[in-house]
Amino acid sequence: MANKITQLKDKAVNKYRSKIRERAITQAKAQIALAGRKVEDYSPEDLEVIVLNEEEKVKSSMKTSGLVVILIALGLG
């Protein structure tokens, strides 16, 4: 029983991480395009750093949005 719960939790966490990664990649591509460059202009290591930075931005945005929703639900916003 506990193993099944752990599997469900892991599946949900992996899906969440995958969605964040996809959004970060999309945003990274947009940032690269805005800089007037192409993805091919960057090394894989540079691309990984760019995507990781975008992941942090996505996570931060989600945390902020979640807090706002909670405050609104509590009538504090």
C-alpha atoms as a PDB file:
ATOM      1  CA  MET A   1       0.000   0.000   0.000  1.00  0.00           C
ATOM      2  CA  ALA A   2       2.716   2.465   0.966  1.00  0.00           C
ATOM      3  CA  ASN A   3       4.645   1.519  -2.173  1.00  0.00           C
ATOM      4  CA  LYS A   4       1.648   2.372  -4.342  1.00  0.00           C
ATOM      5  CA  ILE A   5       1.272   5.761  -2.642  1.00  0.00           C
ATOM      6  CA  THR A   6       4.969   6.445  -3.173  1.00  0.00           C
ATOM      7  CA  GLN A   7       4.632   5.544  -6.850  1.00  0.00           C
ATOM      8  CA  LEU A   8       1.660   7.887  -7.272  1.00  0.00           C
ATOM      9  CA  LYS A   9       3.535  10.695  -5.522  1.00  0.00           C
ATOM     10  CA  ASP A  10       6.626  10.146  -7.681  1.00  0.00           C
ATOM     11  CA  LYS A  11       4.508  10.153 -10.826  1.00  0.00           C
ATOM     12  CA  ALA A  12       2.849  13.443  -9.854  1.00  0.00           C
ATOM     13  CA  VAL A  13       6.189  15.057  -8.959  1.00  0.00           C
ATOM     14  CA  ASN A  14       7.771  13.921 -12.234  1.00  0.00           C
ATOM     15  CA  LYS A  15       4.831  15.280 -14.223  1.00  0.00           C
ATOM     16  CA  TYR A  16       5.104  18.623 -12.367  1.00  0.00           C
ATOM     17  CA  ARG A  17       8.853  18.826 -13.028  1.00  0.00           C
ATOM     18  CA  SER A  18       8.342  17.923 -16.677  1.00  0.00           C
ATOM     19  CA  LYS A  19       5.801  20.726 -17.167  1.00  0.00           C
ATOM     20  CA  ILE A  20       8.109  23.239 -15.497  1.00  0.00           C
ATOM     21  CA  ARG A  21      10.999  22.082 -17.687  1.00  0.00           C
ATOM     22  CA  GLU A  22       8.892  22.402 -20.853  1.00  0.00           C
ATOM     23  CA  ARG A  23       7.823  25.939 -19.942  1.00  0.00           C
ATOM     24  CA  ALA A  24      11.412  26.875 -19.067  1.00  0.00           C
ATOM     25  CA  ILE A  25      12.662  25.574 -22.429  1.00  0.00           C
ATOM     26  CA  THR A  26      10.008  27.608 -24.239  1.00  0.00           C
ATOM     27  CA  GLN A  27      10.960  30.728 -22.319  1.00  0.00           C
ATOM     28  CA  ALA A  28      14.672  30.092 -22.900  1.00  0.00           C
ATOM     29  CA  LYS A  29      14.069  29.838 -26.656  1.00  0.00           C
ATOM     30  CA  ALA A  30      12.161  33.107 -26.530  1.00  0.00           C
ATOM     31  CA  GLN A  31      14.995  34.818 -24.632  1.00  0.00           C
ATOM     32  CA  ILE A  32      17.537  33.532 -27.145  1.00  0.00           C
ATOM     33  CA  ALA A  33      15.407  34.776 -30.042  1.00  0.00           C
ATOM     34  CA  LEU A  34      14.986  38.189 -28.395  1.00  0.00           C
ATOM     35  CA  ALA A  35      18.766  38.388 -28.105  1.00  0.00           C
ATOM     36  CA  GLY A  36      18.942  37.910 -31.884  1.00  0.00           C
ATOM     37  CA  ARG A  37      20.743  34.598 -31.639  1.00  0.00           C
ATOM     38  CA  LYS A  38      19.977  30.984 -32.441  1.00  0.00           C
ATOM     39  CA  VAL A  39      19.930  27.955 -30.166  1.00  0.00           C
ATOM     40  CA  GLU A  40      22.777  26.503 -32.236  1.00  0.00           C
ATOM     41  CA  ASP A  41      24.971  29.467 -31.204  1.00  0.00           C
ATOM     42  CA  TYR A  42      25.153  28.103 -27.643  1.00  0.00           C
ATOM     43  CA  SER A  43      26.994  25.098 -26.258  1.00  0.00           C
ATOM     44  CA  PRO A  44      24.931  22.427 -24.473  1.00  0.00           C
ATOM     45  CA  GLU A  45      26.358  23.631 -21.164  1.00  0.00           C
ATOM     46  CA  ASP A  46      25.303  27.221 -21.854  1.00  0.00           C
ATOM     47  CA  LEU A  47      21.827  26.079 -22.865  1.00  0.00           C
ATOM     48  CA  GLU A  48      21.509  24.081 -19.644  1.00  0.00           C
ATOM     49  CA  VAL A  49      22.402  27.162 -17.585  1.00  0.00           C
ATOM     50  CA  ILE A  50      19.869  29.268 -19.493  1.00  0.00           C
ATOM     51  CA  VAL A  51      17.128  26.669 -19.022  1.00  0.00           C
ATOM     52  CA  LEU A  52      17.937  26.261 -15.319  1.00  0.00           C
ATOM     53  CA  ASN A  53      17.643  30.021 -14.844  1.00  0.00           C
ATOM     54  CA  GLU A  54      14.290  29.974 -16.613  1.00  0.00           C
ATOM     55  CA  GLU A  55      13.153  27.040 -14.431  1.00  0.00           C
ATOM     56  CA  GLU A  56      13.880  29.111 -11.340  1.00  0.00           C
ATOM     57  CA  LYS A  57      11.853  31.979 -12.785  1.00  0.00           C
ATOM     58  CA  VAL A  58       8.927  29.635 -13.515  1.00  0.00           C
ATOM     59  CA  LYS A  59       9.042  28.162  -9.996  1.00  0.00           C
ATOM     60  CA  SER A  60       9.207  31.616  -8.444  1.00  0.00           C
ATOM     61  CA  SER A  61       6.275  32.791 -10.541  1.00  0.00           C
ATOM     62  CA  MET A  62       4.238  29.750  -9.539  1.00  0.00           C
ATOM     63  CA  LYS A  63       4.980  30.310  -5.848  1.00  0.00           C
ATOM     64  CA  THR A  64       3.970  33.957  -6.102  1.00  0.00           C
ATOM     65  CA  SER A  65       0.781  33.079  -7.978  1.00  0.00           C
ATOM     66  CA  GLY A  66      -0.079  30.425  -5.413  1.00  0.00           C
ATOM     67  CA  LEU A  67       0.397  32.855  -2.557  1.00  0.00           C
ATOM     68  CA  VAL A  68      -1.847  35.427  -4.234  1.00  0.00           C
ATOM     69  CA  VAL A  69      -4.572  32.806  -4.738  1.00  0.00           C
ATOM     70  CA  ILE A  70      -4.375  31.823  -1.072  1.00  0.00           C
ATOM     71  CA  LEU A  71      -4.547  35.451   0.061  1.00  0.00           C
ATOM     72  CA  ILE A  72      -7.539  36.118  -2.180  1.00  0.00           C
ATOM     73  CA  ALA A  73      -9.267  32.984  -0.892  1.00  0.00           C
ATOM     74  CA  LEU A  74      -8.713  34.189   2.668  1.00  0.00           C
ATOM     75  CA  GLY A  75     -10.005  37.630   1.783  1.00  0.00           C
ATOM     76  CA  LEU A  76      -6.707  39.333   2.490  1.00  0.00           C
ATOM     77  CA  GLY A  77      -5.890  40.407  -1.059  1.00  0.00           C
END
